[in-house]
């Protein structure tokens, strides 16, 4: 089941042994960051065991591959790359496909970031110095947070909702960035074509007025409008978070053109950004084995000023 949705490199990272030894991070499991439809939404928090070595910065890891998210794919071993440098890691599990669509998943990510900010003192992190990372769908979600954050509502009764969902830096693997121009100009990929095996997260829905039942939106133009809303390339501004993208030039699931499109937009807006190309690499694999360390370097630069 996992291999169907999760890129190989990230699957290996997620399923690696979680025994950290005496010097490993302290893991707090199943922290509830919100609720919806009677269900709890959770994250696992990994903190440096030695509090004196904590650097006061947080890294949010989007636990997502094909917009599938589960407790079993929390990258416990990968979290240590960051905790060893003093970061606190928040591994966020979002509402998963096939039950939930991408717009709903994005709402979950906004909520998770707001929760972390509202509880920043508890977790000993600076709410204005949060990085976000992920691969494939997790990369897409990371870039959406970096480019399309939402302001908080100062009048909200819930203190969490008063926080903004803005992050300070992004690092990600092979992210989809433009569902209206996927692989080539004018190629719409909304659970079709290259993404035909990922249809559920693109089954955008609305409620029928008379019966209140859920109805999938079929109108092509309305679907394209939603596609634009969920594509990070259309949200880039001069205030977008600095972004590092690592992508293989032989990726057939998420073409490297997707990374190139958003890097061009970031450059156009003078946002610090880097695209690292892995020659001959596809969608995951050993070519990316050491890149999480590069993510940590990126966060050292943009969250710590090193």
C-alpha atoms as a PDB file:
ATOM      1  CA  UNK A   1       0.000   0.000   0.000  1.00  0.00           C
ATOM      2  CA  UNK A   2       2.701   2.478   0.987  1.00  0.00           C
ATOM      3  CA  UNK A   3       4.827   1.892  -2.095  1.00  0.00           C
ATOM      4  CA  UNK A   4       1.903   2.851  -4.314  1.00  0.00           C
ATOM      5  CA  UNK A   5       1.822   6.379  -2.924  1.00  0.00           C
ATOM      6  CA  UNK A   6       5.235   7.129  -1.439  1.00  0.00           C
ATOM      7  CA  UNK A   7       8.404   7.839  -3.515  1.00  0.00           C
ATOM      8  CA  UNK A   8      11.060   5.216  -2.928  1.00  0.00           C
ATOM      9  CA  UNK A   9      13.591   7.497  -1.255  1.00  0.00           C
ATOM     10  CA  UNK A  10      11.006   8.855   1.157  1.00  0.00           C
ATOM     11  CA  UNK A  11       9.541   5.417   1.866  1.00  0.00           C
ATOM     12  CA  UNK A  12      12.972   4.234   2.948  1.00  0.00           C
ATOM     13  CA  UNK A  13      13.360   7.332   5.112  1.00  0.00           C
ATOM     14  CA  UNK A  14       9.945   6.905   6.684  1.00  0.00           C
ATOM     15  CA  UNK A  15      10.264   3.199   7.424  1.00  0.00           C
ATOM     16  CA  UNK A  16      13.799   3.258   8.779  1.00  0.00           C
ATOM     17  CA  UNK A  17      14.293   1.966  12.340  1.00  0.00           C
ATOM     18  CA  UNK A  18      13.140   4.399  15.033  1.00  0.00           C
ATOM     19  CA  UNK A  19      15.434   3.302  17.857  1.00  0.00           C
ATOM     20  CA  UNK A  20      17.568   6.380  18.508  1.00  0.00           C
ATOM     21  CA  UNK A  21      19.734   5.249  21.390  1.00  0.00           C
ATOM     22  CA  UNK A  22      20.671   7.381  24.377  1.00  0.00           C
ATOM     23  CA  UNK A  23      21.606  10.418  22.306  1.00  0.00           C
ATOM     24  CA  UNK A  24      18.569  10.353  20.041  1.00  0.00           C
ATOM     25  CA  UNK A  25      15.717  12.873  20.071  1.00  0.00           C
ATOM     26  CA  UNK A  26      12.766  12.800  22.409  1.00  0.00           C
ATOM     27  CA  UNK A  27       9.679  11.781  20.427  1.00  0.00           C
ATOM     28  CA  UNK A  28       6.210  12.894  21.481  1.00  0.00           C
ATOM     29  CA  UNK A  29       3.649  10.976  19.465  1.00  0.00           C
ATOM     30  CA  UNK A  30       0.115  11.817  18.375  1.00  0.00           C
ATOM     31  CA  UNK A  31       0.007  15.483  19.345  1.00  0.00           C
ATOM     32  CA  UNK A  32      -3.456  16.694  18.300  1.00  0.00           C
ATOM     33  CA  UNK A  33      -3.235  19.910  16.274  1.00  0.00           C
ATOM     34  CA  UNK A  34      -6.877  20.041  15.198  1.00  0.00           C
ATOM     35  CA  UNK A  35     -10.090  18.142  14.646  1.00  0.00           C
ATOM     36  CA  UNK A  36     -12.458  17.752  11.711  1.00  0.00           C
ATOM     37  CA  UNK A  37     -15.451  15.520  10.966  1.00  0.00           C
ATOM     38  CA  UNK A  38     -15.110  14.063  14.454  1.00  0.00           C
ATOM     39  CA  UNK A  39     -11.509  12.972  13.817  1.00  0.00           C
ATOM     40  CA  UNK A  40      -8.268  14.129  15.426  1.00  0.00           C
ATOM     41  CA  UNK A  41      -5.429  15.416  13.254  1.00  0.00           C
ATOM     42  CA  UNK A  42      -2.008  14.614  14.673  1.00  0.00           C
ATOM     43  CA  UNK A  43       1.692  15.251  14.450  1.00  0.00           C
ATOM     44  CA  UNK A  44       4.708  13.627  16.054  1.00  0.00           C
ATOM     45  CA  UNK A  45       7.229  16.003  17.621  1.00  0.00           C
ATOM     46  CA  UNK A  46      10.955  15.214  17.758  1.00  0.00           C
ATOM     47  CA  UNK A  47      13.041  17.394  20.084  1.00  0.00           C
ATOM     48  CA  UNK A  48      16.763  17.331  20.879  1.00  0.00           C
ATOM     49  CA  UNK A  49      17.305  15.262  24.016  1.00  0.00           C
ATOM     50  CA  UNK A  50      19.727  17.840  25.383  1.00  0.00           C
ATOM     51  CA  UNK A  51      17.646  20.993  25.715  1.00  0.00           C
ATOM     52  CA  UNK A  52      20.826  23.069  25.955  1.00  0.00           C
ATOM     53  CA  UNK A  53      21.626  22.063  22.364  1.00  0.00           C
ATOM     54  CA  UNK A  54      18.246  23.129  20.994  1.00  0.00           C
ATOM     55  CA  UNK A  55      18.645  26.014  18.563  1.00  0.00           C
ATOM     56  CA  UNK A  56      15.163  27.505  18.980  1.00  0.00           C
ATOM     57  CA  UNK A  57      14.124  26.713  15.414  1.00  0.00           C
ATOM     58  CA  UNK A  58      11.517  24.310  14.059  1.00  0.00           C
ATOM     59  CA  UNK A  59      11.254  22.160  10.935  1.00  0.00           C
ATOM     60  CA  UNK A  60       7.827  21.001   9.766  1.00  0.00           C
ATOM     61  CA  UNK A  61       7.921  17.759   7.786  1.00  0.00           C
ATOM     62  CA  UNK A  62       4.912  17.160   5.524  1.00  0.00           C
ATOM     63  CA  UNK A  63       4.219  13.446   5.833  1.00  0.00           C
ATOM     64  CA  UNK A  64       2.825  13.041   2.336  1.00  0.00           C
ATOM     65  CA  UNK A  65       3.383  11.048  -0.832  1.00  0.00           C
ATOM     66  CA  UNK A  66       0.701  11.244  -3.527  1.00  0.00           C
ATOM     67  CA  UNK A  67      -1.272  13.231  -0.894  1.00  0.00           C
ATOM     68  CA  UNK A  68      -1.422   9.986   1.089  1.00  0.00           C
ATOM     69  CA  UNK A  69      -0.471  10.488   4.734  1.00  0.00           C
ATOM     70  CA  UNK A  70      -0.285   8.060   7.633  1.00  0.00           C
ATOM     71  CA  UNK A  71       1.334   7.438  10.983  1.00  0.00           C
ATOM     72  CA  UNK A  72       3.386   4.605   9.454  1.00  0.00           C
ATOM     73  CA  UNK A  73       5.201   7.002   7.121  1.00  0.00           C
ATOM     74  CA  UNK A  74       6.439   9.465   9.730  1.00  0.00           C
ATOM     75  CA  UNK A  75      10.181   9.826   8.902  1.00  0.00           C
ATOM     76  CA  UNK A  76      11.497   9.104  12.378  1.00  0.00           C
ATOM     77  CA  UNK A  77      15.052   8.311  11.280  1.00  0.00           C
ATOM     78  CA  UNK A  78      15.195  11.330   8.983  1.00  0.00           C
ATOM     79  CA  UNK A  79      14.093  13.608  11.807  1.00  0.00           C
ATOM     80  CA  UNK A  80      17.383  12.967  13.571  1.00  0.00           C
ATOM     81  CA  UNK A  81      19.301  14.736  10.787  1.00  0.00           C
ATOM     82  CA  UNK A  82      17.635  17.916  12.025  1.00  0.00           C
ATOM     83  CA  UNK A  83      17.471  17.236  15.770  1.00  0.00           C
ATOM     84  CA  UNK A  84      21.200  16.521  15.834  1.00  0.00           C
ATOM     85  CA  UNK A  85      21.642  20.158  14.774  1.00  0.00           C
ATOM     86  CA  UNK A  86      19.282  21.442  17.428  1.00  0.00           C
ATOM     87  CA  UNK A  87      16.051  21.680  15.446  1.00  0.00           C
ATOM     88  CA  UNK A  88      12.689  20.541  16.760  1.00  0.00           C
ATOM     89  CA  UNK A  89      10.866  18.548  14.079  1.00  0.00           C
ATOM     90  CA  UNK A  90       7.095  18.510  13.653  1.00  0.00           C
ATOM     91  CA  UNK A  91       6.031  15.577  11.465  1.00  0.00           C
ATOM     92  CA  UNK A  92       2.526  16.517  10.316  1.00  0.00           C
ATOM     93  CA  UNK A  93       0.012  13.885   9.221  1.00  0.00           C
ATOM     94  CA  UNK A  94      -2.723  15.476   7.129  1.00  0.00           C
ATOM     95  CA  UNK A  95      -6.159  14.239   6.087  1.00  0.00           C
ATOM     96  CA  UNK A  96      -5.225  11.568   3.558  1.00  0.00           C
ATOM     97  CA  UNK A  97      -6.449  10.646   0.122  1.00  0.00           C
ATOM     98  CA  UNK A  98      -8.576   8.877  -0.988  1.00  0.00           C
ATOM     99  CA  UNK A  99     -10.886  10.433   1.624  1.00  0.00           C
ATOM    100  CA  UNK A 100      -9.695  14.035   1.417  1.00  0.00           C
ATOM    101  CA  UNK A 101      -8.869  16.291  -1.535  1.00  0.00           C
ATOM    102  CA  UNK A 102      -5.927  18.661  -1.968  1.00  0.00           C
ATOM    103  CA  UNK A 103      -7.829  21.816  -0.892  1.00  0.00           C
ATOM    104  CA  UNK A 104      -8.772  20.016   2.324  1.00  0.00           C
ATOM    105  CA  UNK A 105      -5.186  18.866   2.838  1.00  0.00           C
ATOM    106  CA  UNK A 106      -3.995  22.458   2.452  1.00  0.00           C
ATOM    107  CA  UNK A 107      -6.395  23.513   5.195  1.00  0.00           C
ATOM    108  CA  UNK A 108      -4.809  20.884   7.445  1.00  0.00           C
ATOM    109  CA  UNK A 109      -1.331  22.241   6.779  1.00  0.00           C
ATOM    110  CA  UNK A 110      -2.410  25.798   7.567  1.00  0.00           C
ATOM    111  CA  UNK A 111      -3.865  24.525  10.821  1.00  0.00           C
ATOM    112  CA  UNK A 112      -0.698  22.618  11.702  1.00  0.00           C
ATOM    113  CA  UNK A 113       1.555  25.639  11.188  1.00  0.00           C
ATOM    114  CA  UNK A 114      -0.793  27.823  13.238  1.00  0.00           C
ATOM    115  CA  UNK A 115      -0.838  25.234  16.032  1.00  0.00           C
ATOM    116  CA  UNK A 116       2.954  25.159  16.168  1.00  0.00           C
ATOM    117  CA  UNK A 117       3.109  28.959  16.333  1.00  0.00           C
ATOM    118  CA  UNK A 118       0.443  29.115  19.048  1.00  0.00           C
ATOM    119  CA  UNK A 119       2.489  26.612  21.084  1.00  0.00           C
ATOM    120  CA  UNK A 120       5.929  27.965  20.215  1.00  0.00           C
ATOM    121  CA  UNK A 121       6.918  28.601  23.831  1.00  0.00           C
ATOM    122  CA  UNK A 122       5.972  25.064  24.831  1.00  0.00           C
ATOM    123  CA  UNK A 123       8.182  23.639  22.101  1.00  0.00           C
ATOM    124  CA  UNK A 124      10.961  26.198  22.553  1.00  0.00           C
ATOM    125  CA  UNK A 125      10.887  27.439  18.957  1.00  0.00           C
ATOM    126  CA  UNK A 126      10.710  30.887  17.388  1.00  0.00           C
ATOM    127  CA  UNK A 127       7.319  31.128  15.618  1.00  0.00           C
ATOM    128  CA  UNK A 128       8.869  33.371  12.965  1.00  0.00           C
ATOM    129  CA  UNK A 129      11.694  30.935  12.205  1.00  0.00           C
ATOM    130  CA  UNK A 130       9.966  27.777  11.004  1.00  0.00           C
ATOM    131  CA  UNK A 131      11.146  25.765   8.017  1.00  0.00           C
ATOM    132  CA  UNK A 132       9.025  23.282   6.089  1.00  0.00           C
ATOM    133  CA  UNK A 133      10.066  20.249   4.047  1.00  0.00           C
ATOM    134  CA  UNK A 134       8.728  17.219   2.209  1.00  0.00           C
ATOM    135  CA  UNK A 135       8.948  15.209  -0.966  1.00  0.00           C
ATOM    136  CA  UNK A 136       6.673  14.925  -4.007  1.00  0.00           C
ATOM    137  CA  UNK A 137       3.193  15.782  -2.656  1.00  0.00           C
ATOM    138  CA  UNK A 138       4.950  16.848   0.539  1.00  0.00           C
ATOM    139  CA  UNK A 139       7.090  19.156  -1.567  1.00  0.00           C
ATOM    140  CA  UNK A 140       3.984  20.600  -3.196  1.00  0.00           C
ATOM    141  CA  UNK A 141       2.438  21.239   0.231  1.00  0.00           C
ATOM    142  CA  UNK A 142       5.684  22.809   1.468  1.00  0.00           C
ATOM    143  CA  UNK A 143       5.792  25.241  -1.446  1.00  0.00           C
ATOM    144  CA  UNK A 144       2.138  26.135  -0.952  1.00  0.00           C
ATOM    145  CA  UNK A 145       2.919  27.106   2.643  1.00  0.00           C
ATOM    146  CA  UNK A 146       5.964  29.033   1.472  1.00  0.00           C
ATOM    147  CA  UNK A 147       4.098  30.902  -1.269  1.00  0.00           C
ATOM    148  CA  UNK A 148       0.440  31.017  -0.183  1.00  0.00           C
ATOM    149  CA  UNK A 149       0.239  31.357   3.604  1.00  0.00           C
ATOM    150  CA  UNK A 150      -2.916  32.663   5.252  1.00  0.00           C
ATOM    151  CA  UNK A 151      -3.201  35.454   7.770  1.00  0.00           C
ATOM    152  CA  UNK A 152      -4.623  34.712  11.188  1.00  0.00           C
ATOM    153  CA  UNK A 153      -8.012  35.945  12.314  1.00  0.00           C
ATOM    154  CA  UNK A 154      -7.446  38.291  15.276  1.00  0.00           C
ATOM    155  CA  UNK A 155     -11.105  37.907  16.282  1.00  0.00           C
ATOM    156  CA  UNK A 156     -11.081  34.108  16.344  1.00  0.00           C
ATOM    157  CA  UNK A 157     -12.170  32.461  19.594  1.00  0.00           C
ATOM    158  CA  UNK A 158      -9.611  29.712  18.965  1.00  0.00           C
ATOM    159  CA  UNK A 159      -6.144  31.070  19.782  1.00  0.00           C
ATOM    160  CA  UNK A 160      -4.633  28.801  17.134  1.00  0.00           C
ATOM    161  CA  UNK A 161      -6.669  30.460  14.387  1.00  0.00           C
ATOM    162  CA  UNK A 162      -5.307  33.877  15.369  1.00  0.00           C
ATOM    163  CA  UNK A 163      -1.886  32.846  14.076  1.00  0.00           C
ATOM    164  CA  UNK A 164      -0.712  33.200  10.491  1.00  0.00           C
ATOM    165  CA  UNK A 165       0.449  30.089   8.616  1.00  0.00           C
ATOM    166  CA  UNK A 166       3.532  31.758   7.141  1.00  0.00           C
ATOM    167  CA  UNK A 167       6.837  29.866   7.192  1.00  0.00           C
ATOM    168  CA  UNK A 168      10.359  31.233   6.847  1.00  0.00           C
ATOM    169  CA  UNK A 169      12.027  28.697   4.514  1.00  0.00           C
ATOM    170  CA  UNK A 170      11.249  25.698   2.285  1.00  0.00           C
ATOM    171  CA  UNK A 171      13.329  22.674   1.277  1.00  0.00           C
ATOM    172  CA  UNK A 172      11.789  19.904  -0.793  1.00  0.00           C
ATOM    173  CA  UNK A 173      12.146  17.026  -3.239  1.00  0.00           C
ATOM    174  CA  UNK A 174      10.575  16.840  -6.734  1.00  0.00           C
ATOM    175  CA  UNK A 175       7.391  18.896  -6.142  1.00  0.00           C
ATOM    176  CA  UNK A 176       4.394  19.391  -8.459  1.00  0.00           C
ATOM    177  CA  UNK A 177       4.003  23.162  -8.873  1.00  0.00           C
ATOM    178  CA  UNK A 178       1.649  23.810 -11.819  1.00  0.00           C
ATOM    179  CA  UNK A 179      -1.220  21.427 -12.539  1.00  0.00           C
ATOM    180  CA  UNK A 180      -2.288  23.489 -15.567  1.00  0.00           C
ATOM    181  CA  UNK A 181       1.061  23.118 -17.335  1.00  0.00           C
ATOM    182  CA  UNK A 182       2.284  19.730 -16.239  1.00  0.00           C
ATOM    183  CA  UNK A 183       5.323  18.624 -18.175  1.00  0.00           C
ATOM    184  CA  UNK A 184       4.512  20.965 -21.029  1.00  0.00           C
ATOM    185  CA  UNK A 185       2.510  24.119 -21.615  1.00  0.00           C
ATOM    186  CA  UNK A 186      -1.251  23.607 -21.579  1.00  0.00           C
ATOM    187  CA  UNK A 187      -1.127  20.054 -20.241  1.00  0.00           C
ATOM    188  CA  UNK A 188      -3.716  19.839 -17.457  1.00  0.00           C
ATOM    189  CA  UNK A 189      -3.025  17.087 -14.907  1.00  0.00           C
ATOM    190  CA  UNK A 190      -5.862  16.793 -12.410  1.00  0.00           C
ATOM    191  CA  UNK A 191      -5.775  13.099 -11.652  1.00  0.00           C
ATOM    192  CA  UNK A 192      -5.432  12.282 -15.330  1.00  0.00           C
ATOM    193  CA  UNK A 193      -2.610  11.605 -17.778  1.00  0.00           C
ATOM    194  CA  UNK A 194       0.613  11.190 -15.828  1.00  0.00           C
ATOM    195  CA  UNK A 195      -1.326  11.495 -12.573  1.00  0.00           C
ATOM    196  CA  UNK A 196      -4.116   9.077 -13.523  1.00  0.00           C
ATOM    197  CA  UNK A 197      -3.265   6.833 -10.569  1.00  0.00           C
ATOM    198  CA  UNK A 198      -3.788   9.761  -8.197  1.00  0.00           C
ATOM    199  CA  UNK A 199      -7.357  10.743  -9.009  1.00  0.00           C
ATOM    200  CA  UNK A 200      -8.985  10.920  -5.510  1.00  0.00           C
ATOM    201  CA  UNK A 201      -7.172  14.047  -4.255  1.00  0.00           C
ATOM    202  CA  UNK A 202      -8.389  15.857  -7.401  1.00  0.00           C
ATOM    203  CA  UNK A 203     -12.054  14.930  -6.951  1.00  0.00           C
ATOM    204  CA  UNK A 204     -12.934  18.410  -5.752  1.00  0.00           C
ATOM    205  CA  UNK A 205     -16.437  18.543  -4.299  1.00  0.00           C
ATOM    206  CA  UNK A 206     -19.194  20.852  -3.147  1.00  0.00           C
ATOM    207  CA  UNK A 207     -22.478  20.388  -1.311  1.00  0.00           C
ATOM    208  CA  UNK A 208     -25.702  20.155  -3.262  1.00  0.00           C
ATOM    209  CA  UNK A 209     -28.076  22.835  -1.933  1.00  0.00           C
ATOM    210  CA  UNK A 210     -31.270  20.785  -1.897  1.00  0.00           C
ATOM    211  CA  UNK A 211     -29.966  17.550  -0.387  1.00  0.00           C
ATOM    212  CA  UNK A 212     -26.682  18.698   1.240  1.00  0.00           C
ATOM    213  CA  UNK A 213     -24.937  15.684  -0.273  1.00  0.00           C
ATOM    214  CA  UNK A 214     -21.374  15.874  -1.555  1.00  0.00           C
ATOM    215  CA  UNK A 215     -21.115  16.229  -5.315  1.00  0.00           C
ATOM    216  CA  UNK A 216     -17.873  16.014  -7.270  1.00  0.00           C
ATOM    217  CA  UNK A 217     -17.290  19.086  -9.441  1.00  0.00           C
ATOM    218  CA  UNK A 218     -17.227  17.965 -13.069  1.00  0.00           C
ATOM    219  CA  UNK A 219     -17.184  21.300 -14.907  1.00  0.00           C
ATOM    220  CA  UNK A 220     -13.808  21.561 -16.645  1.00  0.00           C
ATOM    221  CA  UNK A 221     -13.346  25.307 -16.207  1.00  0.00           C
ATOM    222  CA  UNK A 222     -14.216  25.210 -12.516  1.00  0.00           C
ATOM    223  CA  UNK A 223     -11.753  22.375 -12.012  1.00  0.00           C
ATOM    224  CA  UNK A 224      -9.049  24.382 -13.762  1.00  0.00           C
ATOM    225  CA  UNK A 225      -9.793  27.357 -11.521  1.00  0.00           C
ATOM    226  CA  UNK A 226      -9.280  25.155  -8.459  1.00  0.00           C
ATOM    227  CA  UNK A 227      -6.107  23.747 -10.037  1.00  0.00           C
ATOM    228  CA  UNK A 228      -4.721  27.266 -10.223  1.00  0.00           C
ATOM    229  CA  UNK A 229      -5.549  27.871  -6.574  1.00  0.00           C
ATOM    230  CA  UNK A 230      -3.638  24.761  -5.489  1.00  0.00           C
ATOM    231  CA  UNK A 231      -0.597  25.320  -7.745  1.00  0.00           C
ATOM    232  CA  UNK A 232       2.190  27.153  -5.877  1.00  0.00           C
ATOM    233  CA  UNK A 233       3.651  28.725  -9.021  1.00  0.00           C
ATOM    234  CA  UNK A 234       0.686  31.135  -9.194  1.00  0.00           C
ATOM    235  CA  UNK A 235       1.209  32.372  -5.637  1.00  0.00           C
ATOM    236  CA  UNK A 236       4.849  33.435  -5.795  1.00  0.00           C
ATOM    237  CA  UNK A 237       5.538  36.995  -4.617  1.00  0.00           C
ATOM    238  CA  UNK A 238       8.536  38.897  -3.319  1.00  0.00           C
ATOM    239  CA  UNK A 239       7.453  37.783   0.167  1.00  0.00           C
ATOM    240  CA  UNK A 240       7.579  34.049  -0.610  1.00  0.00           C
ATOM    241  CA  UNK A 241       9.838  31.927   1.562  1.00  0.00           C
ATOM    242  CA  UNK A 242      13.339  31.079   0.268  1.00  0.00           C
ATOM    243  CA  UNK A 243      13.191  27.671  -1.396  1.00  0.00           C
ATOM    244  CA  UNK A 244      15.584  24.812  -2.101  1.00  0.00           C
ATOM    245  CA  UNK A 245      14.368  22.166  -4.550  1.00  0.00           C
ATOM    246  CA  UNK A 246      16.140  18.894  -5.338  1.00  0.00           C
ATOM    247  CA  UNK A 247      14.852  17.141  -8.472  1.00  0.00           C
ATOM    248  CA  UNK A 248      15.949  14.373 -10.809  1.00  0.00           C
ATOM    249  CA  UNK A 249      16.109  15.155 -14.532  1.00  0.00           C
ATOM    250  CA  UNK A 250      14.771  11.680 -15.394  1.00  0.00           C
ATOM    251  CA  UNK A 251      11.651  11.969 -13.225  1.00  0.00           C
ATOM    252  CA  UNK A 252       8.644  10.771 -15.241  1.00  0.00           C
ATOM    253  CA  UNK A 253       6.033  11.205 -12.506  1.00  0.00           C
ATOM    254  CA  UNK A 254       6.821  14.826 -11.629  1.00  0.00           C
ATOM    255  CA  UNK A 255       8.782  16.313 -14.557  1.00  0.00           C
ATOM    256  CA  UNK A 256      11.725  18.523 -13.617  1.00  0.00           C
ATOM    257  CA  UNK A 257       9.935  21.230 -15.618  1.00  0.00           C
ATOM    258  CA  UNK A 258       7.729  21.650 -12.550  1.00  0.00           C
ATOM    259  CA  UNK A 259      10.714  22.698 -10.442  1.00  0.00           C
ATOM    260  CA  UNK A 260      12.051  24.886 -13.226  1.00  0.00           C
ATOM    261  CA  UNK A 261       8.755  26.785 -13.505  1.00  0.00           C
ATOM    262  CA  UNK A 262       8.635  27.825  -9.877  1.00  0.00           C
ATOM    263  CA  UNK A 263      12.350  28.532  -9.657  1.00  0.00           C
ATOM    264  CA  UNK A 264      11.925  30.947 -12.568  1.00  0.00           C
ATOM    265  CA  UNK A 265       9.053  32.668 -10.739  1.00  0.00           C
ATOM    266  CA  UNK A 266      11.050  32.880  -7.507  1.00  0.00           C
ATOM    267  CA  UNK A 267      14.004  34.372  -9.366  1.00  0.00           C
ATOM    268  CA  UNK A 268      11.703  36.839 -11.106  1.00  0.00           C
ATOM    269  CA  UNK A 269      10.526  38.013  -7.680  1.00  0.00           C
ATOM    270  CA  UNK A 270      14.079  38.048  -6.295  1.00  0.00           C
ATOM    271  CA  UNK A 271      13.337  35.364  -3.719  1.00  0.00           C
ATOM    272  CA  UNK A 272      16.430  33.340  -2.700  1.00  0.00           C
ATOM    273  CA  UNK A 273      16.139  29.937  -4.332  1.00  0.00           C
ATOM    274  CA  UNK A 274      18.220  27.013  -5.556  1.00  0.00           C
ATOM    275  CA  UNK A 275      17.422  24.084  -7.847  1.00  0.00           C
ATOM    276  CA  UNK A 276      19.784  21.148  -7.425  1.00  0.00           C
ATOM    277  CA  UNK A 277      19.482  18.707 -10.315  1.00  0.00           C
ATOM    278  CA  UNK A 278      20.297  15.032  -9.855  1.00  0.00           C
ATOM    279  CA  UNK A 279      21.442  13.766 -13.246  1.00  0.00           C
ATOM    280  CA  UNK A 280      19.721  10.580 -14.370  1.00  0.00           C
ATOM    281  CA  UNK A 281      17.604  10.360 -11.197  1.00  0.00           C
ATOM    282  CA  UNK A 282      13.928   9.536 -11.250  1.00  0.00           C
ATOM    283  CA  UNK A 283      11.233  10.019  -8.627  1.00  0.00           C
ATOM    284  CA  UNK A 284      13.237   8.999  -5.591  1.00  0.00           C
ATOM    285  CA  UNK A 285      16.037   6.493  -5.187  1.00  0.00           C
ATOM    286  CA  UNK A 286      19.621   6.433  -3.892  1.00  0.00           C
ATOM    287  CA  UNK A 287      20.566   9.644  -5.723  1.00  0.00           C
ATOM    288  CA  UNK A 288      18.730  11.548  -2.998  1.00  0.00           C
ATOM    289  CA  UNK A 289      20.093   9.602  -0.012  1.00  0.00           C
ATOM    290  CA  UNK A 290      22.142  12.445   1.455  1.00  0.00           C
ATOM    291  CA  UNK A 291      19.981  15.405   0.495  1.00  0.00           C
ATOM    292  CA  UNK A 292      18.203  15.790   3.832  1.00  0.00           C
ATOM    293  CA  UNK A 293      21.568  17.014   5.145  1.00  0.00           C
ATOM    294  CA  UNK A 294      21.443  19.646   2.414  1.00  0.00           C
ATOM    295  CA  UNK A 295      18.003  20.627   3.654  1.00  0.00           C
ATOM    296  CA  UNK A 296      19.476  21.123   7.121  1.00  0.00           C
ATOM    297  CA  UNK A 297      22.224  23.310   5.612  1.00  0.00           C
ATOM    298  CA  UNK A 298      19.541  25.397   3.879  1.00  0.00           C
ATOM    299  CA  UNK A 299      17.669  25.873   7.137  1.00  0.00           C
ATOM    300  CA  UNK A 300      20.916  26.742   8.933  1.00  0.00           C
ATOM    301  CA  UNK A 301      21.343  29.545   6.417  1.00  0.00           C
ATOM    302  CA  UNK A 302      17.803  30.892   6.354  1.00  0.00           C
ATOM    303  CA  UNK A 303      16.620  30.177   9.888  1.00  0.00           C
ATOM    304  CA  UNK A 304      19.855  30.599  11.826  1.00  0.00           C
ATOM    305  CA  UNK A 305      21.701  33.009   9.535  1.00  0.00           C
ATOM    306  CA  UNK A 306      24.790  30.811   9.316  1.00  0.00           C
END
